[in-house]
Amino acid sequence: MIIVRPHLYHQLGAAGGVHFRVLTNDRLSASLRIDDAGIYASTGIITFGDEKELAALFEGIALPTPGHVLVIAPDSGFSSPAPERLGPQRKLLVLPCNASAIQDADIQHYLAAMEATDVLAQKAWSDRFFRLGESSGHLAFTDEAAGTRARFDHRDRGYEWFEQLGPVEWGGQQFCPAGEISVLPLSHGRFDSSRRLALTGELALRGLPIVHSGTPSFLREDQERIFAELASLEGSTVIAGVEDGVIRSLRADGAGGGRARAMLEALFQVDSRYRIIWEIGIGSNTTMALLPANRTPNEAYGHHQGCVHWGLGLTPWTQYHVDLLCPDTLVATDRGERLAGGRNPMLRIPSVGCPCVS
């Protein structure tokens, strides 16, 4: 049995006089139970058959207002509703369950992470990140152990920065568990293969990956095989030489690094767009444990002090979106002020939407 405790999801805010609904599919509906401690005006579980039925729910009376809505639908595609369809009297949380093979026990794990997330601390961290970042000439990404350094000229290029954290306002929506800042060289949902992030230098790729699949036909076995080869980075390192946001070279450190390097090179051969770093993300949910498997709904994992991840591929334009989590990489301003990550102790960093479509 999966227990949903909406009154503990602090990004939703006060529950008095508000209705709560879980939207799910046949696979999960019999396994869900809502425990709201009697705080909500009403609660309920609504089962839908496909994505069209799910989209129609936001236009009917099935979702009363004011309302808090949580979508948990394993193996079902989901596209965020437009603001006018969501309406000004609803707040929407989505636990992504389609881009990887998330199991029922994993769902309970991530719901518990939502309960533990300090959304106000996330917002304070985000405000500090942007305050210091906006006054910095560039951002530096370094790995002391590997001796790597890269420079990101993050200003004046028309980049879009996304926040997936903090309280949700009325009419707003958020992926969960929450806790990520990310930047891409293009607008949400508008692919342009000519755009680049002004990132140049060397990156130390060391840490578990996340391999998310898009909507075209694929085999879970292939997805798991790619993950298994890249997961060798947990104990090894691949040094990536990057020029203007494109990976130009890879060199491996040790046997495990060789396996990961070979898989990355194979992806580059199949689709050269995997060489492009489409996303620089910083997961900042430090209360969420990372499962040692490819069953992570989003990139909120923040290790102990924030976790950088590099996004290769962008679904649905590429078959997979690969995030390489690198907790040892330090993010700093041009004045040396720490923003996230790195091996050395620093202040605790806890942790709108990912442009990938699943």
Foldseek 3Di string as FASTA:
>chain_A
DAEAAPCLLPLAPAAAAEEEEEEEEPVCPVVYDYDPVPRHPYYYYHYDHAAVRVLCCLVDPVAPFLYEYEYDYAQGFYDDDDLVSNDQNYEYEYAFHHQAPADPVVVSQQSVLSSVADQVLAVVLVVVLCVQAVPFQWKWKDFVVVGWIKIFRPPDQPKDKAAQTHHAHGSGYHYPPGFKIKIFQDDQQDDDLVGFTQMFIKDKQAAAKAKTFADDDDDNVVSQVLRVLLRLSPPWIWIFGDHRQFTDDIDTDDDSRVSNVVSLVVVCVVPVQQRGQGMKMKAFACSRDDDSGNNHRDDNHQPFWIWIWTWGDAPPVDGIIMIRIDQQMWMAGPVRHTSTHHDDDDDGGHHHDDSHGD
